[in-house]
């Protein structure tokens, strides 16, 4: 994507044309999140959500905790 952008494609066109989603998601235990983020800092890693159990034994759900930059 950086190569395409460096050729002069505007950000709005990039978002319109390509899937500009998260790319890769790595799930780690909450206690390891800070260490994982630090280890992957050179890749602009960040915490984007967490897995939250539901009451009554229902399936867990993912809850976003940080907006994309």
PDB file of N, CA and C in Angstrom:
ATOM      1  N   UNK A   1       0.817  -1.190   0.000  1.00  0.00           N
ATOM      2  CA  UNK A   1       0.000   0.000   0.000  1.00  0.00           C
ATOM      3  C   UNK A   1       0.868   1.264   0.000  1.00  0.00           C
ATOM      4  N   UNK A   2       1.985   1.205   0.705  1.00  0.00           N
ATOM      5  CA  UNK A   2       2.876   2.381   0.716  1.00  0.00           C
ATOM      6  C   UNK A   2       3.415   2.671  -0.677  1.00  0.00           C
ATOM      7  N   UNK A   3       3.727   1.618  -1.427  1.00  0.00           N
ATOM      8  CA  UNK A   3       4.235   1.789  -2.787  1.00  0.00           C
ATOM      9  C   UNK A   3       3.177   2.459  -3.665  1.00  0.00           C
ATOM     10  N   UNK A   4       1.946   2.001  -3.559  1.00  0.00           N
ATOM     11  CA  UNK A   4       0.866   2.592  -4.355  1.00  0.00           C
ATOM     12  C   UNK A   4       0.654   4.052  -3.950  1.00  0.00           C
ATOM     13  N   UNK A   5       0.629   4.316  -2.657  1.00  0.00           N
ATOM     14  CA  UNK A   5       0.457   5.687  -2.176  1.00  0.00           C
ATOM     15  C   UNK A   5       1.607   6.574  -2.625  1.00  0.00           C
ATOM     16  N   UNK A   6       2.824   6.027  -2.654  1.00  0.00           N
ATOM     17  CA  UNK A   6       3.985   6.835  -3.061  1.00  0.00           C
ATOM     18  C   UNK A   6       3.930   7.202  -4.541  1.00  0.00           C
ATOM     19  N   UNK A   7       3.107   6.492  -5.311  1.00  0.00           N
ATOM     20  CA  UNK A   7       2.944   6.811  -6.734  1.00  0.00           C
ATOM     21  C   UNK A   7       1.971   7.968  -6.937  1.00  0.00           C
ATOM     22  N   UNK A   8       1.404   8.481  -5.833  1.00  0.00           N
ATOM     23  CA  UNK A   8       0.545   9.650  -5.926  1.00  0.00           C
ATOM     24  C   UNK A   8      -0.936   9.379  -5.780  1.00  0.00           C
ATOM     25  N   UNK A   9      -1.317   8.159  -5.400  1.00  0.00           N
ATOM     26  CA  UNK A   9      -2.739   7.865  -5.202  1.00  0.00           C
ATOM     27  C   UNK A   9      -3.182   8.518  -3.889  1.00  0.00           C
ATOM     28  N   UNK A  10      -4.237   9.306  -3.971  1.00  0.00           N
ATOM     29  CA  UNK A  10      -4.728  10.043  -2.807  1.00  0.00           C
ATOM     30  C   UNK A  10      -5.305   9.091  -1.758  1.00  0.00           C
ATOM     31  N   UNK A  11      -5.197   9.446  -0.462  1.00  0.00           N
ATOM     32  CA  UNK A  11      -5.737   8.591   0.602  1.00  0.00           C
ATOM     33  C   UNK A  11      -7.218   8.255   0.415  1.00  0.00           C
ATOM     34  N   UNK A  12      -8.026   9.206   0.007  1.00  0.00           N
ATOM     35  CA  UNK A  12      -9.454   8.937  -0.187  1.00  0.00           C
ATOM     36  C   UNK A  12      -9.664   7.879  -1.268  1.00  0.00           C
ATOM     37  N   UNK A  13      -8.865   7.936  -2.329  1.00  0.00           N
ATOM     38  CA  UNK A  13      -8.968   6.943  -3.393  1.00  0.00           C
ATOM     39  C   UNK A  13      -8.497   5.579  -2.911  1.00  0.00           C
ATOM     40  N   UNK A  14      -7.454   5.553  -2.085  1.00  0.00           N
ATOM     41  CA  UNK A  14      -6.971   4.293  -1.515  1.00  0.00           C
ATOM     42  C   UNK A  14      -8.075   3.637  -0.693  1.00  0.00           C
ATOM     43  N   UNK A  15      -8.748   4.414   0.152  1.00  0.00           N
ATOM     44  CA  UNK A  15      -9.807   3.867   0.991  1.00  0.00           C
ATOM     45  C   UNK A  15     -11.019   3.443   0.171  1.00  0.00           C
ATOM     46  N   UNK A  16     -11.292   4.140  -0.917  1.00  0.00           N
ATOM     47  CA  UNK A  16     -12.424   3.789  -1.772  1.00  0.00           C
ATOM     48  C   UNK A  16     -12.156   2.500  -2.549  1.00  0.00           C
ATOM     49  N   UNK A  17     -10.911   2.309  -2.967  1.00  0.00           N
ATOM     50  CA  UNK A  17     -10.563   1.210  -3.859  1.00  0.00           C
ATOM     51  C   UNK A  17     -10.138  -0.064  -3.133  1.00  0.00           C
ATOM     52  N   UNK A  18      -9.374   0.081  -2.068  1.00  0.00           N
ATOM     53  CA  UNK A  18      -8.777  -1.072  -1.400  1.00  0.00           C
ATOM     54  C   UNK A  18      -9.389  -1.293  -0.020  1.00  0.00           C
ATOM     55  N   UNK A  19      -9.278  -2.515   0.469  1.00  0.00           N
ATOM     56  CA  UNK A  19      -9.674  -2.821   1.833  1.00  0.00           C
ATOM     57  C   UNK A  19      -8.582  -2.274   2.748  1.00  0.00           C
ATOM     58  N   UNK A  20      -8.826  -1.157   3.377  1.00  0.00           N
ATOM     59  CA  UNK A  20      -7.825  -0.523   4.227  1.00  0.00           C
ATOM     60  C   UNK A  20      -8.104  -0.843   5.695  1.00  0.00           C
ATOM     61  N   UNK A  21      -8.431  -2.096   5.964  1.00  0.00           N
ATOM     62  CA  UNK A  21      -8.768  -2.534   7.312  1.00  0.00           C
ATOM     63  C   UNK A  21      -7.555  -2.676   8.206  1.00  0.00           C
ATOM     64  N   UNK A  22      -7.666  -3.506   9.200  1.00  0.00           N
ATOM     65  CA  UNK A  22      -6.617  -3.679  10.194  1.00  0.00           C
ATOM     66  C   UNK A  22      -5.385  -4.390   9.663  1.00  0.00           C
ATOM     67  N   UNK A  23      -5.538  -5.250   8.711  1.00  0.00           N
ATOM     68  CA  UNK A  23      -4.380  -5.976   8.188  1.00  0.00           C
ATOM     69  C   UNK A  23      -4.174  -7.281   8.914  1.00  0.00           C
ATOM     70  N   UNK A  24      -3.610  -7.248  10.100  1.00  0.00           N
ATOM     71  CA  UNK A  24      -3.381  -8.464  10.876  1.00  0.00           C
ATOM     72  C   UNK A  24      -3.826  -8.224  12.315  1.00  0.00           C
ATOM     73  N   UNK A  25      -4.458  -9.227  12.870  1.00  0.00           N
ATOM     74  CA  UNK A  25      -4.889  -9.155  14.269  1.00  0.00           C
ATOM     75  C   UNK A  25      -4.235 -10.305  15.013  1.00  0.00           C
ATOM     76  N   UNK A  26      -3.641  -9.987  16.146  1.00  0.00           N
ATOM     77  CA  UNK A  26      -3.025 -10.995  17.001  1.00  0.00           C
ATOM     78  C   UNK A  26      -3.755 -10.974  18.334  1.00  0.00           C
ATOM     79  N   UNK A  27      -4.276 -12.109  18.750  1.00  0.00           N
ATOM     80  CA  UNK A  27      -4.987 -12.207  20.025  1.00  0.00           C
ATOM     81  C   UNK A  27      -4.028 -12.741  21.083  1.00  0.00           C
ATOM     82  N   UNK A  28      -3.920 -11.999  22.166  1.00  0.00           N
ATOM     83  CA  UNK A  28      -3.066 -12.404  23.295  1.00  0.00           C
ATOM     84  C   UNK A  28      -3.859 -12.205  24.580  1.00  0.00           C
ATOM     85  N   UNK A  29      -3.477 -12.895  25.656  1.00  0.00           N
ATOM     86  CA  UNK A  29      -4.134 -12.641  26.940  1.00  0.00           C
ATOM     87  C   UNK A  29      -3.974 -11.171  27.336  1.00  0.00           C
ATOM     88  N   UNK A  30      -4.970 -10.631  28.017  1.00  0.00           N
ATOM     89  CA  UNK A  30      -4.936  -9.221  28.409  1.00  0.00           C
ATOM     90  C   UNK A  30      -3.653  -8.868  29.161  1.00  0.00           C
ATOM     91  N   UNK A  31      -3.169  -9.782  29.990  1.00  0.00           N
ATOM     92  CA  UNK A  31      -1.951  -9.517  30.764  1.00  0.00           C
ATOM     93  C   UNK A  31      -0.718  -9.389  29.877  1.00  0.00           C
ATOM     94  N   UNK A  32      -0.776  -9.907  28.649  1.00  0.00           N
ATOM     95  CA  UNK A  32       0.375  -9.855  27.741  1.00  0.00           C
ATOM     96  C   UNK A  32       0.242  -8.758  26.690  1.00  0.00           C
ATOM     97  N   UNK A  33      -0.853  -8.011  26.702  1.00  0.00           N
ATOM     98  CA  UNK A  33      -1.111  -7.018  25.659  1.00  0.00           C
ATOM     99  C   UNK A  33      -0.038  -5.934  25.591  1.00  0.00           C
ATOM    100  N   UNK A  34       0.356  -5.395  26.716  1.00  0.00           N
ATOM    101  CA  UNK A  34       1.365  -4.329  26.714  1.00  0.00           C
ATOM    102  C   UNK A  34       2.704  -4.839  26.185  1.00  0.00           C
ATOM    103  N   UNK A  35       3.107  -6.039  26.594  1.00  0.00           N
ATOM    104  CA  UNK A  35       4.368  -6.605  26.112  1.00  0.00           C
ATOM    105  C   UNK A  35       4.304  -6.888  24.617  1.00  0.00           C
ATOM    106  N   UNK A  36       3.180  -7.413  24.155  1.00  0.00           N
ATOM    107  CA  UNK A  36       3.036  -7.710  22.726  1.00  0.00           C
ATOM    108  C   UNK A  36       3.067  -6.433  21.900  1.00  0.00           C
ATOM    109  N   UNK A  37       2.381  -5.410  22.368  1.00  0.00           N
ATOM    110  CA  UNK A  37       2.375  -4.129  21.667  1.00  0.00           C
ATOM    111  C   UNK A  37       3.779  -3.532  21.624  1.00  0.00           C
ATOM    112  N   UNK A  38       4.506  -3.611  22.730  1.00  0.00           N
ATOM    113  CA  UNK A  38       5.878  -3.087  22.763  1.00  0.00           C
ATOM    114  C   UNK A  38       6.784  -3.869  21.829  1.00  0.00           C
ATOM    115  N   UNK A  39       6.629  -5.192  21.798  1.00  0.00           N
ATOM    116  CA  UNK A  39       7.474  -6.025  20.938  1.00  0.00           C
ATOM    117  C   UNK A  39       7.213  -5.746  19.454  1.00  0.00           C
ATOM    118  N   UNK A  40       6.010  -5.318  19.141  1.00  0.00           N
ATOM    119  CA  UNK A  40       5.645  -5.068  17.746  1.00  0.00           C
ATOM    120  C   UNK A  40       5.542  -3.578  17.417  1.00  0.00           C
ATOM    121  N   UNK A  41       6.147  -2.743  18.249  1.00  0.00           N
ATOM    122  CA  UNK A  41       6.050  -1.293  18.074  1.00  0.00           C
ATOM    123  C   UNK A  41       6.555  -0.829  16.715  1.00  0.00           C
ATOM    124  N   UNK A  42       7.566  -1.481  16.181  1.00  0.00           N
ATOM    125  CA  UNK A  42       8.102  -1.060  14.883  1.00  0.00           C
ATOM    126  C   UNK A  42       7.098  -1.294  13.755  1.00  0.00           C
ATOM    127  N   UNK A  43       6.033  -2.067  14.022  1.00  0.00           N
ATOM    128  CA  UNK A  43       4.979  -2.311  13.037  1.00  0.00           C
ATOM    129  C   UNK A  43       3.731  -1.482  13.330  1.00  0.00           C
ATOM    130  N   UNK A  44       3.871  -0.465  14.178  1.00  0.00           N
ATOM    131  CA  UNK A  44       2.740   0.389  14.573  1.00  0.00           C
ATOM    132  C   UNK A  44       1.621  -0.401  15.234  1.00  0.00           C
ATOM    133  N   UNK A  45       1.988  -1.419  16.019  1.00  0.00           N
ATOM    134  CA  UNK A  45       0.999  -2.249  16.709  1.00  0.00           C
ATOM    135  C   UNK A  45       0.242  -1.418  17.733  1.00  0.00           C
ATOM    136  N   UNK A  46      -1.024  -1.743  17.896  1.00  0.00           N
ATOM    137  CA  UNK A  46      -1.840  -1.063  18.912  1.00  0.00           C
ATOM    138  C   UNK A  46      -2.969  -1.998  19.332  1.00  0.00           C
ATOM    139  N   UNK A  47      -3.513  -1.744  20.486  1.00  0.00           N
ATOM    140  CA  UNK A  47      -4.643  -2.523  20.994  1.00  0.00           C
ATOM    141  C   UNK A  47      -5.906  -1.956  20.356  1.00  0.00           C
ATOM    142  N   UNK A  48      -6.699  -2.823  19.721  1.00  0.00           N
ATOM    143  CA  UNK A  48      -7.904  -2.361  19.039  1.00  0.00           C
ATOM    144  C   UNK A  48      -9.186  -2.893  19.667  1.00  0.00           C
ATOM    145  N   UNK A  49      -9.063  -3.753  20.654  1.00  0.00           N
ATOM    146  CA  UNK A  49     -10.273  -4.275  21.279  1.00  0.00           C
ATOM    147  C   UNK A  49      -9.955  -5.345  22.289  1.00  0.00           C
ATOM    148  N   UNK A  50     -10.986  -5.895  22.837  1.00  0.00           N
ATOM    149  CA  UNK A  50     -10.830  -6.946  23.826  1.00  0.00           C
ATOM    150  C   UNK A  50     -11.992  -7.913  23.758  1.00  0.00           C
ATOM    151  N   UNK A  51     -11.777  -9.101  24.248  1.00  0.00           N
ATOM    152  CA  UNK A  51     -12.819 -10.121  24.280  1.00  0.00           C
ATOM    153  C   UNK A  51     -13.514 -10.034  25.633  1.00  0.00           C
ATOM    154  N   UNK A  52     -14.821  -9.845  25.612  1.00  0.00           N
ATOM    155  CA  UNK A  52     -15.592  -9.623  26.828  1.00  0.00           C
ATOM    156  C   UNK A  52     -16.634 -10.734  26.967  1.00  0.00           C
ATOM    157  N   UNK A  53     -16.601 -11.477  28.097  1.00  0.00           N
ATOM    158  CA  UNK A  53     -17.617 -12.523  28.284  1.00  0.00           C
ATOM    159  C   UNK A  53     -18.991 -11.900  28.529  1.00  0.00           C
ATOM    160  N   UNK A  54     -20.007 -12.558  28.046  1.00  0.00           N
ATOM    161  CA  UNK A  54     -21.376 -12.091  28.264  1.00  0.00           C
ATOM    162  C   UNK A  54     -21.965 -12.799  29.483  1.00  0.00           C
ATOM    163  N   UNK A  55     -22.937 -12.190  30.060  1.00  0.00           N
ATOM    164  CA  UNK A  55     -23.598 -12.764  31.228  1.00  0.00           C
ATOM    165  C   UNK A  55     -24.414 -13.993  30.838  1.00  0.00           C
ATOM    166  N   UNK A  56     -24.601 -14.880  31.773  1.00  0.00           N
ATOM    167  CA  UNK A  56     -25.453 -16.030  31.558  1.00  0.00           C
ATOM    168  C   UNK A  56     -24.881 -17.102  30.657  1.00  0.00           C
ATOM    169  N   UNK A  57     -23.579 -17.067  30.422  1.00  0.00           N
ATOM    170  CA  UNK A  57     -22.951 -18.101  29.610  1.00  0.00           C
ATOM    171  C   UNK A  57     -23.098 -17.920  28.115  1.00  0.00           C
ATOM    172  N   UNK A  58     -23.623 -16.790  27.669  1.00  0.00           N
ATOM    173  CA  UNK A  58     -23.731 -16.531  26.231  1.00  0.00           C
ATOM    174  C   UNK A  58     -22.332 -16.396  25.639  1.00  0.00           C
ATOM    175  N   UNK A  59     -22.243 -16.517  24.336  1.00  0.00           N
ATOM    176  CA  UNK A  59     -20.946 -16.424  23.655  1.00  0.00           C
ATOM    177  C   UNK A  59     -20.282 -15.079  23.937  1.00  0.00           C
ATOM    178  N   UNK A  60     -18.961 -15.082  23.982  1.00  0.00           N
ATOM    179  CA  UNK A  60     -18.203 -13.847  24.195  1.00  0.00           C
ATOM    180  C   UNK A  60     -18.366 -12.921  23.002  1.00  0.00           C
ATOM    181  N   UNK A  61     -17.980 -11.667  23.194  1.00  0.00           N
ATOM    182  CA  UNK A  61     -18.054 -10.706  22.096  1.00  0.00           C
ATOM    183  C   UNK A  61     -16.808  -9.845  22.102  1.00  0.00           C
ATOM    184  N   UNK A  62     -16.486  -9.300  20.964  1.00  0.00           N
ATOM    185  CA  UNK A  62     -15.328  -8.422  20.844  1.00  0.00           C
ATOM    186  C   UNK A  62     -15.817  -6.990  20.995  1.00  0.00           C
ATOM    187  N   UNK A  63     -15.098  -6.222  21.819  1.00  0.00           N
ATOM    188  CA  UNK A  63     -15.463  -4.833  22.060  1.00  0.00           C
ATOM    189  C   UNK A  63     -14.260  -3.974  21.718  1.00  0.00           C
ATOM    190  N   UNK A  64     -14.428  -3.022  20.810  1.00  0.00           N
ATOM    191  CA  UNK A  64     -13.355  -2.106  20.431  1.00  0.00           C
ATOM    192  C   UNK A  64     -13.022  -1.177  21.566  1.00  0.00           C
ATOM    193  N   UNK A  65     -11.720  -0.907  21.732  1.00  0.00           N
ATOM    194  CA  UNK A  65     -11.298  -0.023  22.808  1.00  0.00           C
ATOM    195  C   UNK A  65     -10.526   1.181  22.302  1.00  0.00           C
ATOM    196  N   UNK A  66     -10.118   1.172  21.042  1.00  0.00           N
ATOM    197  CA  UNK A  66      -9.314   2.283  20.539  1.00  0.00           C
ATOM    198  C   UNK A  66      -9.674   2.544  19.088  1.00  0.00           C
ATOM    199  N   UNK A  67      -9.866   3.815  18.728  1.00  0.00           N
ATOM    200  CA  UNK A  67     -10.156   4.127  17.328  1.00  0.00           C
ATOM    201  C   UNK A  67      -8.911   3.960  16.471  1.00  0.00           C
ATOM    202  N   UNK A  68      -9.106   3.684  15.205  1.00  0.00           N
ATOM    203  CA  UNK A  68      -7.971   3.592  14.276  1.00  0.00           C
ATOM    204  C   UNK A  68      -7.353   4.973  14.134  1.00  0.00           C
ATOM    205  N   UNK A  69      -6.047   5.023  13.933  1.00  0.00           N
ATOM    206  CA  UNK A  69      -5.390   6.340  13.796  1.00  0.00           C
ATOM    207  C   UNK A  69      -5.790   7.038  12.523  1.00  0.00           C
TER     208      UNK A  69
END
